Amino acid sequence: MHNKKNTEKKVTGSLVTIFILALCLCITTFALAWSILSVENNLFHTGSVKINLNDGKPVIEEHEFLFEPGMTVEKQFYIENLSTWDVWYRLYFENVEGGLADTLEVTLRDGDNVLWSGSPNDMSKDKTAATADMLKIHQKKNLILSLHFPETAGNEAQGLSLSFDIAADAVQTKNNPNRLFD
């Protein structure tokens, strides 16, 4: 009987030891997982991209100019970054209509730096790329749109018109070194 009691004590002691070790293993595993998965102050914020293009006002008013061969018109406007990060931007023409779309020569400048030059039909969204310089947070750039009616334009351009909308796209510079637009 003494042997049986001794065996029961050993089995009970072994079971208690196994239970305590299993409990310790569970607590240790939980503590390890918690330390790996939790980081204090692990907060992130999403950014926003917002551009102010001339306060939505037209750069050239309808019927503002009557072009003649050799005439050049320059109009100032601005683009401003209201985003939460620096952005790459591109400007382009939308809704281009009229016979002068292939006749007029358009140049878009940032001071003396030419951002783009060509005909209005060539300045569409799919044909323009991001500018080489970024627009920093809250930065406002004054740009110049130059429209030139070539001296060599013949009588076929007489009585033609042109209408277009200037538009802008922007993407964050962060994690976008190639200035890609989706």
C-alpha atoms as a PDB file:
ATOM      1  CA  MET A   1       0.000   0.000   0.000  1.00  0.00           C
ATOM      2  CA  HIS A   2       2.882   2.240   0.695  1.00  0.00           C
ATOM      3  CA  ASN A   3       4.094   1.712  -2.864  1.00  0.00           C
ATOM      4  CA  LYS A   4       0.668   2.577  -4.296  1.00  0.00           C
ATOM      5  CA  LYS A   5       0.518   5.817  -2.282  1.00  0.00           C
ATOM      6  CA  ASN A   6       4.022   6.704  -3.375  1.00  0.00           C
ATOM      7  CA  THR A   7       3.112   6.090  -7.032  1.00  0.00           C
ATOM      8  CA  GLU A   8      -0.044   8.231  -6.726  1.00  0.00           C
ATOM      9  CA  LYS A   9       2.022  11.067  -5.260  1.00  0.00           C
ATOM     10  CA  LYS A  10       4.561  10.799  -8.083  1.00  0.00           C
ATOM     11  CA  VAL A  11       1.812  10.749 -10.750  1.00  0.00           C
ATOM     12  CA  THR A  12      -0.026  13.667  -9.096  1.00  0.00           C
ATOM     13  CA  GLY A  13       3.252  15.603  -8.782  1.00  0.00           C
ATOM     14  CA  SER A  14       4.122  14.866 -12.400  1.00  0.00           C
ATOM     15  CA  LEU A  15       0.657  15.983 -13.590  1.00  0.00           C
ATOM     16  CA  VAL A  16       0.859  19.193 -11.562  1.00  0.00           C
ATOM     17  CA  THR A  17       4.353  19.833 -12.942  1.00  0.00           C
ATOM     18  CA  ILE A  18       3.157  19.207 -16.532  1.00  0.00           C
ATOM     19  CA  PHE A  19       0.174  21.520 -15.992  1.00  0.00           C
ATOM     20  CA  ILE A  20       2.389  24.298 -14.554  1.00  0.00           C
ATOM     21  CA  LEU A  21       4.932  23.908 -17.387  1.00  0.00           C
ATOM     22  CA  ALA A  22       2.147  23.962 -20.007  1.00  0.00           C
ATOM     23  CA  LEU A  23       0.675  27.077 -18.376  1.00  0.00           C
ATOM     24  CA  CYS A  24       4.114  28.750 -18.348  1.00  0.00           C
ATOM     25  CA  LEU A  25       4.620  27.790 -22.014  1.00  0.00           C
ATOM     26  CA  CYS A  26       1.247  29.327 -22.952  1.00  0.00           C
ATOM     27  CA  ILE A  27       1.992  32.528 -21.031  1.00  0.00           C
ATOM     28  CA  THR A  28       5.478  32.800 -22.565  1.00  0.00           C
ATOM     29  CA  THR A  29       4.142  32.179 -26.088  1.00  0.00           C
ATOM     30  CA  PHE A  30       1.421  34.803 -25.606  1.00  0.00           C
ATOM     31  CA  ALA A  31       3.951  37.317 -24.255  1.00  0.00           C
ATOM     32  CA  LEU A  32       6.310  36.699 -27.193  1.00  0.00           C
ATOM     33  CA  ALA A  33       3.523  37.022 -29.759  1.00  0.00           C
ATOM     34  CA  TRP A  34       2.229  40.188 -28.084  1.00  0.00           C
ATOM     35  CA  SER A  35       5.677  41.795 -28.122  1.00  0.00           C
ATOM     36  CA  ILE A  36       6.103  40.993 -31.819  1.00  0.00           C
ATOM     37  CA  LEU A  37       2.638  42.113 -32.901  1.00  0.00           C
ATOM     38  CA  SER A  38       2.219  45.231 -30.809  1.00  0.00           C
ATOM     39  CA  VAL A  39       4.154  48.444 -31.272  1.00  0.00           C
ATOM     40  CA  GLU A  40       3.422  51.439 -29.095  1.00  0.00           C
ATOM     41  CA  ASN A  41       2.176  54.506 -30.951  1.00  0.00           C
ATOM     42  CA  ASN A  42       1.761  52.478 -34.130  1.00  0.00           C
ATOM     43  CA  LEU A  43      -0.396  55.062 -35.883  1.00  0.00           C
ATOM     44  CA  PHE A  44      -0.545  55.925 -39.535  1.00  0.00           C
ATOM     45  CA  HIS A  45      -2.461  58.514 -41.508  1.00  0.00           C
ATOM     46  CA  THR A  46      -3.540  58.558 -45.118  1.00  0.00           C
ATOM     47  CA  GLY A  47      -2.638  61.563 -47.178  1.00  0.00           C
ATOM     48  CA  SER A  48      -4.675  63.614 -49.578  1.00  0.00           C
ATOM     49  CA  VAL A  49      -3.841  65.182 -52.908  1.00  0.00           C
ATOM     50  CA  LYS A  50      -5.514  68.493 -53.653  1.00  0.00           C
ATOM     51  CA  ILE A  51      -4.519  71.063 -56.265  1.00  0.00           C
ATOM     52  CA  ASN A  52      -5.814  74.605 -56.683  1.00  0.00           C
ATOM     53  CA  LEU A  53      -5.631  75.558 -60.353  1.00  0.00           C
ATOM     54  CA  ASN A  54      -6.205  79.309 -60.648  1.00  0.00           C
ATOM     55  CA  ASP A  55      -9.106  79.160 -58.155  1.00  0.00           C
ATOM     56  CA  GLY A  56     -11.117  77.470 -60.929  1.00  0.00           C
ATOM     57  CA  LYS A  57     -11.166  80.700 -62.940  1.00  0.00           C
ATOM     58  CA  PRO A  58     -10.537  80.606 -66.705  1.00  0.00           C
ATOM     59  CA  VAL A  59      -7.063  81.615 -67.828  1.00  0.00           C
ATOM     60  CA  ILE A  60      -8.521  83.130 -70.994  1.00  0.00           C
ATOM     61  CA  GLU A  61     -12.097  84.363 -71.090  1.00  0.00           C
ATOM     62  CA  GLU A  62     -14.351  83.449 -73.992  1.00  0.00           C
ATOM     63  CA  HIS A  63     -14.097  86.014 -76.842  1.00  0.00           C
ATOM     64  CA  GLU A  64     -11.207  87.771 -75.050  1.00  0.00           C
ATOM     65  CA  PHE A  65      -8.926  87.760 -78.103  1.00  0.00           C
ATOM     66  CA  LEU A  66      -9.289  87.895 -81.862  1.00  0.00           C
ATOM     67  CA  PHE A  67      -6.073  86.366 -83.177  1.00  0.00           C
ATOM     68  CA  GLU A  68      -4.237  87.666 -86.226  1.00  0.00           C
ATOM     69  CA  PRO A  69      -1.131  86.154 -87.877  1.00  0.00           C
ATOM     70  CA  GLY A  70       2.000  86.994 -85.866  1.00  0.00           C
ATOM     71  CA  MET A  71       0.059  87.724 -82.678  1.00  0.00           C
ATOM     72  CA  THR A  72       1.204  86.293 -79.328  1.00  0.00           C
ATOM     73  CA  VAL A  73      -0.859  86.356 -76.154  1.00  0.00           C
ATOM     74  CA  GLU A  74       0.575  85.566 -72.732  1.00  0.00           C
ATOM     75  CA  LYS A  75      -1.636  84.916 -69.728  1.00  0.00           C
ATOM     76  CA  GLN A  76      -0.553  84.249 -66.159  1.00  0.00           C
ATOM     77  CA  PHE A  77      -2.235  81.730 -63.901  1.00  0.00           C
ATOM     78  CA  TYR A  78      -1.170  79.638 -60.936  1.00  0.00           C
ATOM     79  CA  ILE A  79      -1.121  76.151 -59.496  1.00  0.00           C
ATOM     80  CA  GLU A  80      -1.038  75.605 -55.734  1.00  0.00           C
ATOM     81  CA  ASN A  81      -0.433  72.439 -53.719  1.00  0.00           C
ATOM     82  CA  LEU A  82      -3.052  72.069 -50.982  1.00  0.00           C
ATOM     83  CA  SER A  83      -2.106  68.420 -50.409  1.00  0.00           C
ATOM     84  CA  THR A  84      -0.651  66.816 -47.308  1.00  0.00           C
ATOM     85  CA  TRP A  85       2.578  65.957 -49.137  1.00  0.00           C
ATOM     86  CA  ASP A  86       4.793  67.205 -51.970  1.00  0.00           C
ATOM     87  CA  VAL A  87       3.377  66.317 -55.395  1.00  0.00           C
ATOM     88  CA  TRP A  88       4.383  65.757 -58.987  1.00  0.00           C
ATOM     89  CA  TYR A  89       1.998  67.568 -61.306  1.00  0.00           C
ATOM     90  CA  ARG A  90       1.134  67.773 -64.972  1.00  0.00           C
ATOM     91  CA  LEU A  91      -0.978  70.268 -66.854  1.00  0.00           C
ATOM     92  CA  TYR A  92      -2.923  69.413 -69.984  1.00  0.00           C
ATOM     93  CA  PHE A  93      -5.780  70.542 -72.213  1.00  0.00           C
ATOM     94  CA  GLU A  94      -9.212  68.928 -72.150  1.00  0.00           C
ATOM     95  CA  ASN A  95     -12.220  69.470 -74.397  1.00  0.00           C
ATOM     96  CA  VAL A  96     -10.115  70.939 -77.210  1.00  0.00           C
ATOM     97  CA  GLU A  97     -12.404  72.103 -80.000  1.00  0.00           C
ATOM     98  CA  GLY A  98     -12.021  74.306 -83.046  1.00  0.00           C
ATOM     99  CA  GLY A  99      -9.961  74.616 -86.182  1.00  0.00           C
ATOM    100  CA  LEU A 100      -7.139  76.559 -84.516  1.00  0.00           C
ATOM    101  CA  ALA A 101      -6.212  73.500 -82.411  1.00  0.00           C
ATOM    102  CA  ASP A 102      -3.583  72.503 -84.987  1.00  0.00           C
ATOM    103  CA  THR A 103      -2.602  76.070 -85.963  1.00  0.00           C
ATOM    104  CA  LEU A 104      -1.804  77.900 -82.733  1.00  0.00           C
ATOM    105  CA  GLU A 105       1.537  77.295 -81.016  1.00  0.00           C
ATOM    106  CA  VAL A 106       1.217  76.895 -77.254  1.00  0.00           C
ATOM    107  CA  THR A 107       4.002  77.243 -74.711  1.00  0.00           C
ATOM    108  CA  LEU A 108       3.599  76.671 -70.990  1.00  0.00           C
ATOM    109  CA  ARG A 109       6.341  78.211 -68.826  1.00  0.00           C
ATOM    110  CA  ASP A 110       7.404  78.458 -65.217  1.00  0.00           C
ATOM    111  CA  GLY A 111       9.361  81.717 -65.487  1.00  0.00           C
ATOM    112  CA  ASP A 112      11.987  81.079 -68.184  1.00  0.00           C
ATOM    113  CA  ASN A 113      11.678  77.311 -67.829  1.00  0.00           C
ATOM    114  CA  VAL A 114       9.560  75.817 -70.645  1.00  0.00           C
ATOM    115  CA  LEU A 115       7.346  73.076 -69.214  1.00  0.00           C
ATOM    116  CA  TRP A 116       5.663  72.188 -72.490  1.00  0.00           C
ATOM    117  CA  SER A 117       5.405  73.408 -76.081  1.00  0.00           C
ATOM    118  CA  GLY A 118       3.311  72.311 -79.062  1.00  0.00           C
ATOM    119  CA  SER A 119      -0.206  72.540 -80.457  1.00  0.00           C
ATOM    120  CA  PRO A 120      -3.317  72.380 -78.260  1.00  0.00           C
ATOM    121  CA  ASN A 121      -4.155  68.968 -79.756  1.00  0.00           C
ATOM    122  CA  ASP A 122      -0.735  67.698 -78.625  1.00  0.00           C
ATOM    123  CA  MET A 123      -1.235  68.802 -75.029  1.00  0.00           C
ATOM    124  CA  SER A 124      -3.782  66.133 -74.091  1.00  0.00           C
ATOM    125  CA  LYS A 125      -3.720  64.138 -70.866  1.00  0.00           C
ATOM    126  CA  ASP A 126      -2.237  61.044 -72.493  1.00  0.00           C
ATOM    127  CA  LYS A 127       0.547  63.037 -74.195  1.00  0.00           C
ATOM    128  CA  THR A 128       1.853  65.095 -71.271  1.00  0.00           C
ATOM    129  CA  ALA A 129       4.123  63.936 -68.486  1.00  0.00           C
ATOM    130  CA  ALA A 130       4.799  65.230 -65.013  1.00  0.00           C
ATOM    131  CA  THR A 131       6.936  68.310 -64.700  1.00  0.00           C
ATOM    132  CA  ALA A 132      10.564  67.806 -63.737  1.00  0.00           C
ATOM    133  CA  ASP A 133      10.192  69.707 -60.476  1.00  0.00           C
ATOM    134  CA  MET A 134       7.866  68.887 -57.622  1.00  0.00           C
ATOM    135  CA  LEU A 135       5.340  71.184 -56.034  1.00  0.00           C
ATOM    136  CA  LYS A 136       6.014  71.354 -52.301  1.00  0.00           C
ATOM    137  CA  ILE A 137       3.267  71.457 -49.664  1.00  0.00           C
ATOM    138  CA  HIS A 138       1.455  74.833 -49.804  1.00  0.00           C
ATOM    139  CA  GLN A 139       3.698  76.000 -52.644  1.00  0.00           C
ATOM    140  CA  LYS A 140       2.103  78.243 -55.254  1.00  0.00           C
ATOM    141  CA  LYS A 141       3.679  78.583 -58.707  1.00  0.00           C
ATOM    142  CA  ASN A 142       2.854  81.333 -61.136  1.00  0.00           C
ATOM    143  CA  LEU A 143       2.860  79.959 -64.662  1.00  0.00           C
ATOM    144  CA  ILE A 144       2.565  81.578 -68.093  1.00  0.00           C
ATOM    145  CA  LEU A 145       0.456  80.289 -70.959  1.00  0.00           C
ATOM    146  CA  SER A 146       1.637  81.659 -74.283  1.00  0.00           C
ATOM    147  CA  LEU A 147      -0.475  81.330 -77.456  1.00  0.00           C
ATOM    148  CA  HIS A 148       1.130  82.308 -80.765  1.00  0.00           C
ATOM    149  CA  PHE A 149      -0.643  82.569 -84.120  1.00  0.00           C
ATOM    150  CA  PRO A 150       2.112  81.882 -86.694  1.00  0.00           C
ATOM    151  CA  GLU A 151       2.767  84.503 -89.352  1.00  0.00           C
ATOM    152  CA  THR A 152       2.736  81.723 -91.935  1.00  0.00           C
ATOM    153  CA  ALA A 153      -0.876  80.759 -91.208  1.00  0.00           C
ATOM    154  CA  GLY A 154      -2.809  81.158 -94.413  1.00  0.00           C
ATOM    155  CA  ASN A 155      -6.341  82.140 -95.226  1.00  0.00           C
ATOM    156  CA  GLU A 156      -7.523  78.627 -94.301  1.00  0.00           C
ATOM    157  CA  ALA A 157      -7.239  79.670 -90.618  1.00  0.00           C
ATOM    158  CA  GLN A 158      -9.443  82.694 -91.165  1.00  0.00           C
ATOM    159  CA  GLY A 159     -12.657  82.589 -89.115  1.00  0.00           C
ATOM    160  CA  LEU A 160     -11.582  79.537 -87.084  1.00  0.00           C
ATOM    161  CA  SER A 161     -11.810  79.330 -83.309  1.00  0.00           C
ATOM    162  CA  LEU A 162     -10.362  77.424 -80.390  1.00  0.00           C
ATOM    163  CA  SER A 163     -11.786  76.420 -77.035  1.00  0.00           C
ATOM    164  CA  PHE A 164     -10.192  74.274 -74.326  1.00  0.00           C
ATOM    165  CA  ASP A 165     -10.071  73.648 -70.609  1.00  0.00           C
ATOM    166  CA  ILE A 166      -6.762  73.624 -68.731  1.00  0.00           C
ATOM    167  CA  ALA A 167      -6.627  70.731 -66.273  1.00  0.00           C
ATOM    168  CA  ALA A 168      -4.094  69.440 -63.752  1.00  0.00           C
ATOM    169  CA  ASP A 169      -3.292  66.053 -62.244  1.00  0.00           C
ATOM    170  CA  ALA A 170      -1.097  65.480 -59.218  1.00  0.00           C
ATOM    171  CA  VAL A 171       0.347  62.488 -57.363  1.00  0.00           C
ATOM    172  CA  GLN A 172       2.354  62.313 -54.173  1.00  0.00           C
ATOM    173  CA  THR A 173       6.117  62.265 -54.567  1.00  0.00           C
ATOM    174  CA  LYS A 174       6.535  59.838 -51.674  1.00  0.00           C
ATOM    175  CA  ASN A 175       7.222  56.313 -52.968  1.00  0.00           C
ATOM    176  CA  ASN A 176       6.817  57.580 -56.552  1.00  0.00           C
ATOM    177  CA  PRO A 177      10.299  58.477 -57.863  1.00  0.00           C
ATOM    178  CA  ASN A 178       9.262  57.835 -61.495  1.00  0.00           C
ATOM    179  CA  ARG A 179       6.420  60.385 -61.353  1.00  0.00           C
ATOM    180  CA  LEU A 180       3.796  57.837 -62.391  1.00  0.00           C
ATOM    181  CA  PHE A 181       0.109  58.718 -62.592  1.00  0.00           C
ATOM    182  CA  ASP A 182      -2.391  55.887 -62.202  1.00  0.00           C
END
